Amino acid sequence: MGEVRLEGRWQVGRLTKITCGMGSVMIDLTDAEFDDWDVEIIVQLHMGQIMVIAPRGLDIRQVRTSGAVDSALEQPIPGFPVVRLSASCDVGTIRLMHPKEKTTARRGWFRRRSKPSPRS
């Protein structure tokens, strides 16, 4: 039971295996360094959620998946590394997504006042 988080700057081996009983697995590939141009990631989870965050252009190929897959990935760019993903989730979901764009913080609601009219 618990949470597995691979994020930040980390090394992705040619074969990476992750096994978790119950909880969540988050794999963030945005700052990851790859050992090879063709890597394989195997994730096994019995109950919970698997989330894979990939930078735009990375080619993620779903080799073997069992479970509900929610993919919001764009088309890959040729020349980027290839990630072969084997994910199995007995009860839960598998999400494939890009990192969210950072937005600027809004200051809060305010109303612009029109220029004051000159009073006679």
PDB file of N, CA and C in Angstrom:
ATOM      1  N   MET A   1       0.844  -1.178   0.000  1.00  0.00           N
ATOM      2  CA  MET A   1       0.000   0.000   0.000  1.00  0.00           C
ATOM      3  C   MET A   1       0.887   1.238   0.000  1.00  0.00           C
ATOM      4  N   GLY A   2       0.504   2.192  -0.770  1.00  0.00           N
ATOM      5  CA  GLY A   2       1.283   3.410  -0.769  1.00  0.00           C
ATOM      6  C   GLY A   2       1.319   4.068  -2.127  1.00  0.00           C
ATOM      7  N   GLU A   3       2.407   4.783  -2.332  1.00  0.00           N
ATOM      8  CA  GLU A   3       2.531   5.590  -3.531  1.00  0.00           C
ATOM      9  C   GLU A   3       3.950   5.468  -4.070  1.00  0.00           C
ATOM     10  N   VAL A   4       4.069   5.295  -5.375  1.00  0.00           N
ATOM     11  CA  VAL A   4       5.365   5.269  -6.037  1.00  0.00           C
ATOM     12  C   VAL A   4       5.409   6.493  -6.948  1.00  0.00           C
ATOM     13  N   ARG A   5       6.402   7.344  -6.740  1.00  0.00           N
ATOM     14  CA  ARG A   5       6.529   8.566  -7.550  1.00  0.00           C
ATOM     15  C   ARG A   5       7.939   8.620  -8.133  1.00  0.00           C
ATOM     16  N   LEU A   6       8.019   8.575  -9.443  1.00  0.00           N
ATOM     17  CA  LEU A   6       9.274   8.768 -10.151  1.00  0.00           C
ATOM     18  C   LEU A   6       9.150  10.094 -10.881  1.00  0.00           C
ATOM     19  N   GLU A   7       9.768  11.129 -10.335  1.00  0.00           N
ATOM     20  CA  GLU A   7       9.634  12.459 -10.903  1.00  0.00           C
ATOM     21  C   GLU A   7      10.935  13.212 -10.742  1.00  0.00           C
ATOM     22  N   GLY A   8      10.989  14.349 -11.402  1.00  0.00           N
ATOM     23  CA  GLY A   8      12.199  15.151 -11.346  1.00  0.00           C
ATOM     24  C   GLY A   8      13.248  14.597 -12.297  1.00  0.00           C
ATOM     25  N   ARG A   9      14.498  14.729 -11.917  1.00  0.00           N
ATOM     26  CA  ARG A   9      15.601  14.242 -12.742  1.00  0.00           C
ATOM     27  C   ARG A   9      15.962  12.833 -12.287  1.00  0.00           C
ATOM     28  N   TRP A  10      15.639  11.844 -13.087  1.00  0.00           N
ATOM     29  CA  TRP A  10      15.935  10.456 -12.757  1.00  0.00           C
ATOM     30  C   TRP A  10      16.316   9.706 -14.023  1.00  0.00           C
ATOM     31  N   GLN A  11      16.979   8.578 -13.845  1.00  0.00           N
ATOM     32  CA  GLN A  11      17.519   7.781 -14.945  1.00  0.00           C
ATOM     33  C   GLN A  11      16.565   6.642 -15.284  1.00  0.00           C
ATOM     34  N   VAL A  12      16.121   6.574 -16.538  1.00  0.00           N
ATOM     35  CA  VAL A  12      15.253   5.501 -17.015  1.00  0.00           C
ATOM     36  C   VAL A  12      16.136   4.447 -17.655  1.00  0.00           C
ATOM     37  N   GLY A  13      16.140   3.242 -17.090  1.00  0.00           N
ATOM     38  CA  GLY A  13      16.939   2.152 -17.641  1.00  0.00           C
ATOM     39  C   GLY A  13      16.280   1.559 -18.874  1.00  0.00           C
ATOM     40  N   ARG A  14      17.015   0.674 -19.539  1.00  0.00           N
ATOM     41  CA  ARG A  14      16.435   0.003 -20.714  1.00  0.00           C
ATOM     42  C   ARG A  14      15.195  -0.786 -20.334  1.00  0.00           C
ATOM     43  N   LEU A  15      15.195  -1.344 -19.118  1.00  0.00           N
ATOM     44  CA  LEU A  15      14.046  -2.070 -18.602  1.00  0.00           C
ATOM     45  C   LEU A  15      13.784  -1.575 -17.190  1.00  0.00           C
ATOM     46  N   THR A  16      12.628  -0.993 -16.978  1.00  0.00           N
ATOM     47  CA  THR A  16      12.236  -0.483 -15.667  1.00  0.00           C
ATOM     48  C   THR A  16      10.956  -1.189 -15.253  1.00  0.00           C
ATOM     49  N   LYS A  17      10.979  -1.849 -14.069  1.00  0.00           N
ATOM     50  CA  LYS A  17       9.811  -2.573 -13.569  1.00  0.00           C
ATOM     51  C   LYS A  17       9.337  -1.949 -12.273  1.00  0.00           C
ATOM     52  N   ILE A  18       8.032  -1.748 -12.177  1.00  0.00           N
ATOM     53  CA  ILE A  18       7.415  -1.189 -10.980  1.00  0.00           C
ATOM     54  C   ILE A  18       6.243  -2.082 -10.609  1.00  0.00           C
ATOM     55  N   THR A  19       6.209  -2.531  -9.360  1.00  0.00           N
ATOM     56  CA  THR A  19       5.124  -3.358  -8.874  1.00  0.00           C
ATOM     57  C   THR A  19       4.591  -2.753  -7.584  1.00  0.00           C
ATOM     58  N   CYS A  20       3.271  -2.606  -7.506  1.00  0.00           N
ATOM     59  CA  CYS A  20       2.641  -2.029  -6.324  1.00  0.00           C
ATOM     60  C   CYS A  20       1.325  -2.749  -6.093  1.00  0.00           C
ATOM     61  N   GLY A  21       1.002  -3.021  -4.848  1.00  0.00           N
ATOM     62  CA  GLY A  21      -0.236  -3.712  -4.530  1.00  0.00           C
ATOM     63  C   GLY A  21      -1.445  -2.806  -4.641  1.00  0.00           C
ATOM     64  N   MET A  22      -1.483  -1.781  -3.784  1.00  0.00           N
ATOM     65  CA  MET A  22      -2.614  -0.877  -3.769  1.00  0.00           C
ATOM     66  C   MET A  22      -2.091   0.534  -3.550  1.00  0.00           C
ATOM     67  N   GLY A  23      -2.562   1.479  -4.355  1.00  0.00           N
ATOM     68  CA  GLY A  23      -2.103   2.855  -4.224  1.00  0.00           C
ATOM     69  C   GLY A  23      -2.038   3.523  -5.581  1.00  0.00           C
ATOM     70  N   SER A  24      -1.032   4.363  -5.752  1.00  0.00           N
ATOM     71  CA  SER A  24      -0.896   5.068  -7.029  1.00  0.00           C
ATOM     72  C   SER A  24       0.554   5.046  -7.484  1.00  0.00           C
ATOM     73  N   VAL A  25       0.722   5.018  -8.791  1.00  0.00           N
ATOM     74  CA  VAL A  25       2.044   5.051  -9.406  1.00  0.00           C
ATOM     75  C   VAL A  25       2.063   6.242 -10.353  1.00  0.00           C
ATOM     76  N   MET A  26       3.027   7.154 -10.143  1.00  0.00           N
ATOM     77  CA  MET A  26       3.158   8.327 -10.994  1.00  0.00           C
ATOM     78  C   MET A  26       4.553   8.316 -11.598  1.00  0.00           C
ATOM     79  N   ILE A  27       4.617   8.281 -12.925  1.00  0.00           N
ATOM     80  CA  ILE A  27       5.883   8.269 -13.653  1.00  0.00           C
ATOM     81  C   ILE A  27       5.946   9.543 -14.476  1.00  0.00           C
ATOM     82  N   ASP A  28       6.843  10.444 -14.109  1.00  0.00           N
ATOM     83  CA  ASP A  28       6.992  11.721 -14.803  1.00  0.00           C
ATOM     84  C   ASP A  28       8.264  11.651 -15.647  1.00  0.00           C
ATOM     85  N   LEU A  29       8.104  11.672 -16.957  1.00  0.00           N
ATOM     86  CA  LEU A  29       9.222  11.535 -17.887  1.00  0.00           C
ATOM     87  C   LEU A  29       9.705  12.875 -18.432  1.00  0.00           C
ATOM     88  N   THR A  30       9.210  13.995 -17.924  1.00  0.00           N
ATOM     89  CA  THR A  30       9.559  15.290 -18.506  1.00  0.00           C
ATOM     90  C   THR A  30      11.027  15.638 -18.311  1.00  0.00           C
ATOM     91  N   ASP A  31      11.620  15.340 -17.158  1.00  0.00           N
ATOM     92  CA  ASP A  31      13.033  15.642 -16.909  1.00  0.00           C
ATOM     93  C   ASP A  31      13.892  14.385 -16.834  1.00  0.00           C
ATOM     94  N   ALA A  32      13.354  13.253 -17.243  1.00  0.00           N
ATOM     95  CA  ALA A  32      14.077  11.992 -17.122  1.00  0.00           C
ATOM     96  C   ALA A  32      15.160  11.864 -18.191  1.00  0.00           C
ATOM     97  N   GLU A  33      16.219  11.133 -17.859  1.00  0.00           N
ATOM     98  CA  GLU A  33      17.293  10.829 -18.804  1.00  0.00           C
ATOM     99  C   GLU A  33      17.190   9.358 -19.176  1.00  0.00           C
ATOM    100  N   PHE A  34      17.248   9.069 -20.463  1.00  0.00           N
ATOM    101  CA  PHE A  34      17.057   7.713 -20.959  1.00  0.00           C
ATOM    102  C   PHE A  34      18.396   7.041 -21.229  1.00  0.00           C
ATOM    103  N   ASP A  35      18.513   5.752 -20.830  1.00  0.00           N
ATOM    104  CA  ASP A  35      19.716   4.982 -21.104  1.00  0.00           C
ATOM    105  C   ASP A  35      19.848   4.630 -22.583  1.00  0.00           C
ATOM    106  N   ASP A  36      18.727   4.488 -23.258  1.00  0.00           N
ATOM    107  CA  ASP A  36      18.726   4.060 -24.652  1.00  0.00           C
ATOM    108  C   ASP A  36      17.605   4.803 -25.386  1.00  0.00           C
ATOM    109  N   TRP A  37      17.613   4.748 -26.711  1.00  0.00           N
ATOM    110  CA  TRP A  37      16.557   5.365 -27.494  1.00  0.00           C
ATOM    111  C   TRP A  37      15.284   4.542 -27.464  1.00  0.00           C
ATOM    112  N   ASP A  38      15.381   3.291 -27.037  1.00  0.00           N
ATOM    113  CA  ASP A  38      14.231   2.395 -26.973  1.00  0.00           C
ATOM    114  C   ASP A  38      14.210   1.768 -25.581  1.00  0.00           C
ATOM    115  N   VAL A  39      13.307   2.234 -24.711  1.00  0.00           N
ATOM    116  CA  VAL A  39      13.233   1.722 -23.344  1.00  0.00           C
ATOM    117  C   VAL A  39      11.876   1.060 -23.119  1.00  0.00           C
ATOM    118  N   GLU A  40      11.838   0.180 -22.131  1.00  0.00           N
ATOM    119  CA  GLU A  40      10.603  -0.520 -21.787  1.00  0.00           C
ATOM    120  C   GLU A  40      10.293  -0.291 -20.316  1.00  0.00           C
ATOM    121  N   ILE A  41       9.069   0.112 -20.041  1.00  0.00           N
ATOM    122  CA  ILE A  41       8.606   0.324 -18.668  1.00  0.00           C
ATOM    123  C   ILE A  41       7.453  -0.627 -18.413  1.00  0.00           C
ATOM    124  N   ILE A  42       7.579  -1.448 -17.356  1.00  0.00           N
ATOM    125  CA  ILE A  42       6.549  -2.411 -16.981  1.00  0.00           C
ATOM    126  C   ILE A  42       5.998  -1.992 -15.626  1.00  0.00           C
ATOM    127  N   VAL A  43       4.690  -1.771 -15.562  1.00  0.00           N
ATOM    128  CA  VAL A  43       4.034  -1.348 -14.322  1.00  0.00           C
ATOM    129  C   VAL A  43       2.912  -2.329 -14.018  1.00  0.00           C
ATOM    130  N   GLN A  44       2.916  -2.867 -12.798  1.00  0.00           N
ATOM    131  CA  GLN A  44       1.856  -3.767 -12.342  1.00  0.00           C
ATOM    132  C   GLN A  44       1.255  -3.198 -11.068  1.00  0.00           C
ATOM    133  N   LEU A  45      -0.043  -2.960 -11.100  1.00  0.00           N
ATOM    134  CA  LEU A  45      -0.753  -2.399  -9.961  1.00  0.00           C
ATOM    135  C   LEU A  45      -2.058  -3.158  -9.804  1.00  0.00           C
ATOM    136  N   HIS A  46      -2.364  -3.562  -8.579  1.00  0.00           N
ATOM    137  CA  HIS A  46      -3.603  -4.323  -8.373  1.00  0.00           C
ATOM    138  C   HIS A  46      -4.809  -3.400  -8.236  1.00  0.00           C
ATOM    139  N   MET A  47      -4.679  -2.349  -7.416  1.00  0.00           N
ATOM    140  CA  MET A  47      -5.802  -1.440  -7.236  1.00  0.00           C
ATOM    141  C   MET A  47      -5.276  -0.019  -7.063  1.00  0.00           C
ATOM    142  N   GLY A  48      -5.761   0.895  -7.912  1.00  0.00           N
ATOM    143  CA  GLY A  48      -5.324   2.280  -7.815  1.00  0.00           C
ATOM    144  C   GLY A  48      -5.244   2.944  -9.177  1.00  0.00           C
ATOM    145  N   GLN A  49      -4.301   3.867  -9.314  1.00  0.00           N
ATOM    146  CA  GLN A  49      -4.176   4.634 -10.545  1.00  0.00           C
ATOM    147  C   GLN A  49      -2.719   4.675 -10.992  1.00  0.00           C
ATOM    148  N   ILE A  50      -2.513   4.488 -12.303  1.00  0.00           N
ATOM    149  CA  ILE A  50      -1.198   4.637 -12.916  1.00  0.00           C
ATOM    150  C   ILE A  50      -1.255   5.903 -13.765  1.00  0.00           C
ATOM    151  N   MET A  51      -0.332   6.839 -13.520  1.00  0.00           N
ATOM    152  CA  MET A  51      -0.296   8.082 -14.289  1.00  0.00           C
ATOM    153  C   MET A  51       1.093   8.221 -14.899  1.00  0.00           C
ATOM    154  N   VAL A  52       1.141   8.404 -16.217  1.00  0.00           N
ATOM    155  CA  VAL A  52       2.393   8.602 -16.934  1.00  0.00           C
ATOM    156  C   VAL A  52       2.339   9.989 -17.570  1.00  0.00           C
ATOM    157  N   ILE A  53       3.289  10.852 -17.187  1.00  0.00           N
ATOM    158  CA  ILE A  53       3.360  12.200 -17.730  1.00  0.00           C
ATOM    159  C   ILE A  53       4.548  12.245 -18.685  1.00  0.00           C
ATOM    160  N   ALA A  54       4.271  12.522 -19.953  1.00  0.00           N
ATOM    161  CA  ALA A  54       5.306  12.496 -20.985  1.00  0.00           C
ATOM    162  C   ALA A  54       5.442  13.864 -21.634  1.00  0.00           C
ATOM    163  N   PRO A  55       6.668  14.277 -21.960  1.00  0.00           N
ATOM    164  CA  PRO A  55       6.823  15.548 -22.666  1.00  0.00           C
ATOM    165  C   PRO A  55       6.264  15.434 -24.087  1.00  0.00           C
ATOM    166  N   ARG A  56       5.913  16.566 -24.639  1.00  0.00           N
ATOM    167  CA  ARG A  56       5.358  16.571 -25.993  1.00  0.00           C
ATOM    168  C   ARG A  56       6.412  16.083 -26.985  1.00  0.00           C
ATOM    169  N   GLY A  57       6.000  15.180 -27.878  1.00  0.00           N
ATOM    170  CA  GLY A  57       6.903  14.640 -28.879  1.00  0.00           C
ATOM    171  C   GLY A  57       7.425  13.257 -28.549  1.00  0.00           C
ATOM    172  N   LEU A  58       7.388  12.848 -27.280  1.00  0.00           N
ATOM    173  CA  LEU A  58       7.876  11.527 -26.883  1.00  0.00           C
ATOM    174  C   LEU A  58       6.913  10.460 -27.395  1.00  0.00           C
ATOM    175  N   ASP A  59       7.451   9.370 -27.909  1.00  0.00           N
ATOM    176  CA  ASP A  59       6.643   8.283 -28.467  1.00  0.00           C
ATOM    177  C   ASP A  59       6.407   7.231 -27.391  1.00  0.00           C
ATOM    178  N   ILE A  60       5.180   7.144 -26.895  1.00  0.00           N
ATOM    179  CA  ILE A  60       4.813   6.114 -25.919  1.00  0.00           C
ATOM    180  C   ILE A  60       3.933   5.107 -26.639  1.00  0.00           C
ATOM    181  N   ARG A  61       4.429   3.891 -26.735  1.00  0.00           N
ATOM    182  CA  ARG A  61       3.686   2.814 -27.398  1.00  0.00           C
ATOM    183  C   ARG A  61       3.162   1.861 -26.340  1.00  0.00           C
ATOM    184  N   GLN A  62       1.871   1.639 -26.348  1.00  0.00           N
ATOM    185  CA  GLN A  62       1.253   0.730 -25.390  1.00  0.00           C
ATOM    186  C   GLN A  62       1.381  -0.688 -25.924  1.00  0.00           C
ATOM    187  N   VAL A  63       2.267  -1.454 -25.301  1.00  0.00           N
ATOM    188  CA  VAL A  63       2.524  -2.809 -25.770  1.00  0.00           C
ATOM    189  C   VAL A  63       1.467  -3.756 -25.212  1.00  0.00           C
ATOM    190  N   ARG A  64       1.390  -3.822 -23.915  1.00  0.00           N
ATOM    191  CA  ARG A  64       0.399  -4.662 -23.253  1.00  0.00           C
ATOM    192  C   ARG A  64      -0.238  -3.824 -22.149  1.00  0.00           C
ATOM    193  N   THR A  65      -1.537  -3.625 -22.238  1.00  0.00           N
ATOM    194  CA  THR A  65      -2.235  -2.898 -21.186  1.00  0.00           C
ATOM    195  C   THR A  65      -3.481  -3.676 -20.807  1.00  0.00           C
ATOM    196  N   SER A  66      -3.747  -3.717 -19.529  1.00  0.00           N
ATOM    197  CA  SER A  66      -4.994  -4.290 -19.051  1.00  0.00           C
ATOM    198  C   SER A  66      -5.559  -3.324 -18.023  1.00  0.00           C
ATOM    199  N   GLY A  67      -6.711  -2.834 -18.320  1.00  0.00           N
ATOM    200  CA  GLY A  67      -7.353  -1.831 -17.485  1.00  0.00           C
ATOM    201  C   GLY A  67      -7.850  -0.701 -18.362  1.00  0.00           C
ATOM    202  N   ALA A  68      -8.575   0.216 -17.763  1.00  0.00           N
ATOM    203  CA  ALA A  68      -9.111   1.360 -18.497  1.00  0.00           C
ATOM    204  C   ALA A  68      -8.004   2.360 -18.773  1.00  0.00           C
ATOM    205  N   VAL A  69      -7.781   2.688 -20.050  1.00  0.00           N
ATOM    206  CA  VAL A  69      -6.712   3.603 -20.448  1.00  0.00           C
ATOM    207  C   VAL A  69      -7.331   4.924 -20.902  1.00  0.00           C
ATOM    208  N   ASP A  70      -6.856   6.016 -20.309  1.00  0.00           N
ATOM    209  CA  ASP A  70      -7.282   7.365 -20.682  1.00  0.00           C
ATOM    210  C   ASP A  70      -6.055   8.080 -21.224  1.00  0.00           C
ATOM    211  N   SER A  71      -5.979   8.206 -22.548  1.00  0.00           N
ATOM    212  CA  SER A  71      -4.802   8.795 -23.176  1.00  0.00           C
ATOM    213  C   SER A  71      -5.141  10.138 -23.796  1.00  0.00           C
ATOM    214  N   ALA A  72      -4.318  11.144 -23.463  1.00  0.00           N
ATOM    215  CA  ALA A  72      -4.478  12.482 -24.032  1.00  0.00           C
ATOM    216  C   ALA A  72      -3.161  12.931 -24.649  1.00  0.00           C
ATOM    217  N   LEU A  73      -2.473  12.007 -25.298  1.00  0.00           N
ATOM    218  CA  LEU A  73      -1.165  12.307 -25.870  1.00  0.00           C
ATOM    219  C   LEU A  73      -1.291  12.768 -27.315  1.00  0.00           C
ATOM    220  N   GLU A  74      -0.408  13.683 -27.693  1.00  0.00           N
ATOM    221  CA  GLU A  74      -0.352  14.149 -29.070  1.00  0.00           C
ATOM    222  C   GLU A  74       0.502  13.189 -29.892  1.00  0.00           C
ATOM    223  N   GLN A  75       0.541  13.416 -31.194  1.00  0.00           N
ATOM    224  CA  GLN A  75       1.342  12.579 -32.085  1.00  0.00           C
ATOM    225  C   GLN A  75       2.826  12.755 -31.749  1.00  0.00           C
ATOM    226  N   PRO A  76       3.611  11.658 -31.785  1.00  0.00           N
ATOM    227  CA  PRO A  76       5.041  11.768 -31.478  1.00  0.00           C
ATOM    228  C   PRO A  76       5.815  12.434 -32.609  1.00  0.00           C
ATOM    229  N   ILE A  77       6.980  12.954 -32.249  1.00  0.00           N
ATOM    230  CA  ILE A  77       7.874  13.577 -33.215  1.00  0.00           C
ATOM    231  C   ILE A  77       8.971  12.568 -33.557  1.00  0.00           C
ATOM    232  N   PRO A  78       9.241  12.317 -34.842  1.00  0.00           N
ATOM    233  CA  PRO A  78      10.299  11.373 -35.209  1.00  0.00           C
ATOM    234  C   PRO A  78      11.655  11.831 -34.676  1.00  0.00           C
ATOM    235  N   GLY A  79      12.426  10.880 -34.180  1.00  0.00           N
ATOM    236  CA  GLY A  79      13.746  11.180 -33.643  1.00  0.00           C
ATOM    237  C   GLY A  79      13.780  11.243 -32.132  1.00  0.00           C
ATOM    238  N   PHE A  80      12.621  11.274 -31.481  1.00  0.00           N
ATOM    239  CA  PHE A  80      12.574  11.263 -30.029  1.00  0.00           C
ATOM    240  C   PHE A  80      12.665   9.819 -29.542  1.00  0.00           C
ATOM    241  N   PRO A  81      13.033   9.603 -28.266  1.00  0.00           N
ATOM    242  CA  PRO A  81      13.082   8.235 -27.738  1.00  0.00           C
ATOM    243  C   PRO A  81      11.709   7.559 -27.771  1.00  0.00           C
ATOM    244  N   VAL A  82      11.744   6.225 -27.800  1.00  0.00           N
ATOM    245  CA  VAL A  82      10.519   5.418 -27.815  1.00  0.00           C
ATOM    246  C   VAL A  82      10.402   4.711 -26.469  1.00  0.00           C
ATOM    247  N   VAL A  83       9.238   4.851 -25.842  1.00  0.00           N
ATOM    248  CA  VAL A  83       8.958   4.181 -24.569  1.00  0.00           C
ATOM    249  C   VAL A  83       7.890   3.133 -24.834  1.00  0.00           C
ATOM    250  N   ARG A  84       8.216   1.871 -24.571  1.00  0.00           N
ATOM    251  CA  ARG A  84       7.247   0.786 -24.701  1.00  0.00           C
ATOM    252  C   ARG A  84       6.665   0.550 -23.308  1.00  0.00           C
ATOM    253  N   LEU A  85       5.371   0.802 -23.171  1.00  0.00           N
ATOM    254  CA  LEU A  85       4.708   0.744 -21.871  1.00  0.00           C
ATOM    255  C   LEU A  85       3.849  -0.502 -21.769  1.00  0.00           C
ATOM    256  N   SER A  86       4.146  -1.318 -20.761  1.00  0.00           N
ATOM    257  CA  SER A  86       3.305  -2.465 -20.421  1.00  0.00           C
ATOM    258  C   SER A  86       2.714  -2.167 -19.051  1.00  0.00           C
ATOM    259  N   ALA A  87       1.433  -1.856 -19.011  1.00  0.00           N
ATOM    260  CA  ALA A  87       0.796  -1.467 -17.756  1.00  0.00           C
ATOM    261  C   ALA A  87      -0.408  -2.356 -17.497  1.00  0.00           C
ATOM    262  N   SER A  88      -0.518  -2.836 -16.274  1.00  0.00           N
ATOM    263  CA  SER A  88      -1.686  -3.618 -15.900  1.00  0.00           C
ATOM    264  C   SER A  88      -2.220  -3.092 -14.577  1.00  0.00           C
ATOM    265  N   CYS A  89      -3.514  -2.826 -14.566  1.00  0.00           N
ATOM    266  CA  CYS A  89      -4.201  -2.319 -13.384  1.00  0.00           C
ATOM    267  C   CYS A  89      -5.504  -3.097 -13.259  1.00  0.00           C
ATOM    268  N   ASP A  90      -5.598  -3.929 -12.238  1.00  0.00           N
ATOM    269  CA  ASP A  90      -6.790  -4.769 -12.075  1.00  0.00           C
ATOM    270  C   ASP A  90      -8.034  -3.921 -11.797  1.00  0.00           C
ATOM    271  N   VAL A  91      -7.942  -3.041 -10.796  1.00  0.00           N
ATOM    272  CA  VAL A  91      -9.055  -2.167 -10.451  1.00  0.00           C
ATOM    273  C   VAL A  91      -8.523  -0.743 -10.419  1.00  0.00           C
ATOM    274  N   GLY A  92      -8.911   0.069 -11.397  1.00  0.00           N
ATOM    275  CA  GLY A  92      -8.430   1.442 -11.454  1.00  0.00           C
ATOM    276  C   GLY A  92      -8.224   1.891 -12.890  1.00  0.00           C
ATOM    277  N   THR A  93      -7.465   2.967 -13.061  1.00  0.00           N
ATOM    278  CA  THR A  93      -7.281   3.532 -14.389  1.00  0.00           C
ATOM    279  C   THR A  93      -5.809   3.746 -14.700  1.00  0.00           C
ATOM    280  N   ILE A  94      -5.537   3.861 -15.994  1.00  0.00           N
ATOM    281  CA  ILE A  94      -4.201   4.174 -16.500  1.00  0.00           C
ATOM    282  C   ILE A  94      -4.345   5.484 -17.283  1.00  0.00           C
ATOM    283  N   ARG A  95      -3.637   6.532 -16.866  1.00  0.00           N
ATOM    284  CA  ARG A  95      -3.724   7.837 -17.529  1.00  0.00           C
ATOM    285  C   ARG A  95      -2.401   8.174 -18.184  1.00  0.00           C
ATOM    286  N   LEU A  96      -2.454   8.554 -19.455  1.00  0.00           N
ATOM    287  CA  LEU A  96      -1.292   9.023 -20.199  1.00  0.00           C
ATOM    288  C   LEU A  96      -1.557  10.471 -20.568  1.00  0.00           C
ATOM    289  N   MET A  97      -0.661  11.379 -20.154  1.00  0.00           N
ATOM    290  CA  MET A  97      -0.923  12.791 -20.372  1.00  0.00           C
ATOM    291  C   MET A  97       0.366  13.581 -20.523  1.00  0.00           C
ATOM    292  N   HIS A  98       0.243  14.789 -21.016  1.00  0.00           N
ATOM    293  CA  HIS A  98       1.350  15.736 -21.095  1.00  0.00           C
ATOM    294  C   HIS A  98       1.346  16.592 -19.840  1.00  0.00           C
ATOM    295  N   PRO A  99       2.486  17.215 -19.505  1.00  0.00           N
ATOM    296  CA  PRO A  99       2.477  18.095 -18.335  1.00  0.00           C
ATOM    297  C   PRO A  99       1.564  19.287 -18.576  1.00  0.00           C
ATOM    298  N   LYS A 100       0.962  19.752 -17.514  1.00  0.00           N
ATOM    299  CA  LYS A 100       0.059  20.896 -17.622  1.00  0.00           C
ATOM    300  C   LYS A 100       0.873  22.160 -17.828  1.00  0.00           C
ATOM    301  N   GLU A 101       0.339  23.035 -18.657  1.00  0.00           N
ATOM    302  CA  GLU A 101       1.000  24.311 -18.914  1.00  0.00           C
ATOM    303  C   GLU A 101       0.901  25.176 -17.668  1.00  0.00           C
ATOM    304  N   LYS A 102       1.995  25.837 -17.350  1.00  0.00           N
ATOM    305  CA  LYS A 102       1.984  26.722 -16.194  1.00  0.00           C
ATOM    306  C   LYS A 102       1.296  28.023 -16.587  1.00  0.00           C
ATOM    307  N   THR A 103       0.371  28.427 -15.767  1.00  0.00           N
ATOM    308  CA  THR A 103      -0.346  29.662 -16.029  1.00  0.00           C
ATOM    309  C   THR A 103       0.091  30.709 -15.018  1.00  0.00           C
ATOM    310  N   THR A 104      -0.070  31.941 -15.393  1.00  0.00           N
ATOM    311  CA  THR A 104       0.278  33.008 -14.460  1.00  0.00           C
ATOM    312  C   THR A 104      -0.847  33.163 -13.448  1.00  0.00           C
ATOM    313  N   ALA A 105      -0.461  33.474 -12.253  1.00  0.00           N
ATOM    314  CA  ALA A 105      -1.452  33.626 -11.191  1.00  0.00           C
ATOM    315  C   ALA A 105      -2.244  34.911 -11.398  1.00  0.00           C
ATOM    316  N   ARG A 106      -3.513  34.795 -11.214  1.00  0.00           N
ATOM    317  CA  ARG A 106      -4.367  35.973 -11.331  1.00  0.00           C
ATOM    318  C   ARG A 106      -4.445  36.655  -9.984  1.00  0.00           C
ATOM    319  N   ARG A 107      -4.517  37.934 -10.018  1.00  0.00           N
ATOM    320  CA  ARG A 107      -4.506  38.694  -8.776  1.00  0.00           C
ATOM    321  C   ARG A 107      -5.821  38.647  -8.030  1.00  0.00           C
ATOM    322  N   GLY A 108      -6.829  38.358  -8.634  1.00  0.00           N
ATOM    323  CA  GLY A 108      -8.121  38.429  -7.970  1.00  0.00           C
ATOM    324  C   GLY A 108      -9.029  39.332  -8.784  1.00  0.00           C
ATOM    325  N   TRP A 109     -10.247  39.322  -8.445  1.00  0.00           N
ATOM    326  CA  TRP A 109     -11.202  40.062  -9.236  1.00  0.00           C
ATOM    327  C   TRP A 109     -11.180  41.523  -8.837  1.00  0.00           C
ATOM    328  N   PHE A 110     -11.089  42.361  -9.826  1.00  0.00           N
ATOM    329  CA  PHE A 110     -11.235  43.792  -9.573  1.00  0.00           C
ATOM    330  C   PHE A 110     -11.862  44.432 -10.792  1.00  0.00           C
ATOM    331  N   ARG A 111     -12.467  45.566 -10.574  1.00  0.00           N
ATOM    332  CA  ARG A 111     -13.150  46.255 -11.656  1.00  0.00           C
ATOM    333  C   ARG A 111     -12.361  47.505 -12.009  1.00  0.00           C
ATOM    334  N   ARG A 112     -12.119  47.664 -13.298  1.00  0.00           N
ATOM    335  CA  ARG A 112     -11.438  48.879 -13.731  1.00  0.00           C
ATOM    336  C   ARG A 112     -12.422  50.032 -13.674  1.00  0.00           C
ATOM    337  N   ARG A 113     -11.923  51.075 -13.157  1.00  0.00           N
ATOM    338  CA  ARG A 113     -12.759  52.267 -13.074  1.00  0.00           C
ATOM    339  C   ARG A 113     -12.456  53.155 -14.266  1.00  0.00           C
ATOM    340  N   SER A 114     -13.483  53.731 -14.758  1.00  0.00           N
ATOM    341  CA  SER A 114     -13.282  54.657 -15.867  1.00  0.00           C
ATOM    342  C   SER A 114     -12.678  55.953 -15.324  1.00  0.00           C
ATOM    343  N   LYS A 115     -12.134  56.717 -16.213  1.00  0.00           N
ATOM    344  CA  LYS A 115     -11.516  57.973 -15.783  1.00  0.00           C
ATOM    345  C   LYS A 115     -12.585  58.859 -15.165  1.00  0.00           C
ATOM    346  N   PRO A 116     -12.269  59.499 -14.072  1.00  0.00           N
ATOM    347  CA  PRO A 116     -13.294  60.349 -13.453  1.00  0.00           C
ATOM    348  C   PRO A 116     -13.605  61.536 -14.354  1.00  0.00           C
ATOM    349  N   SER A 117     -14.850  61.847 -14.431  1.00  0.00           N
ATOM    350  CA  SER A 117     -15.254  62.976 -15.263  1.00  0.00           C
ATOM    351  C   SER A 117     -14.967  64.287 -14.520  1.00  0.00           C
ATOM    352  N   PRO A 118     -14.488  65.264 -15.244  1.00  0.00           N
ATOM    353  CA  PRO A 118     -14.221  66.552 -14.579  1.00  0.00           C
ATOM    354  C   PRO A 118     -15.511  67.197 -14.113  1.00  0.00           C
ATOM    355  N   ARG A 119     -15.518  67.617 -12.912  1.00  0.00           N
ATOM    356  CA  ARG A 119     -16.720  68.271 -12.371  1.00  0.00           C
ATOM    357  C   ARG A 119     -16.585  69.766 -12.494  1.00  0.00           C
ATOM    358  N   SER A 120     -17.650  70.389 -12.838  1.00  0.00           N
ATOM    359  CA  SER A 120     -17.621  71.826 -12.962  1.00  0.00           C
ATOM    360  C   SER A 120     -17.895  72.504 -11.662  1.00  0.00           C
TER     361      SER A 120
END
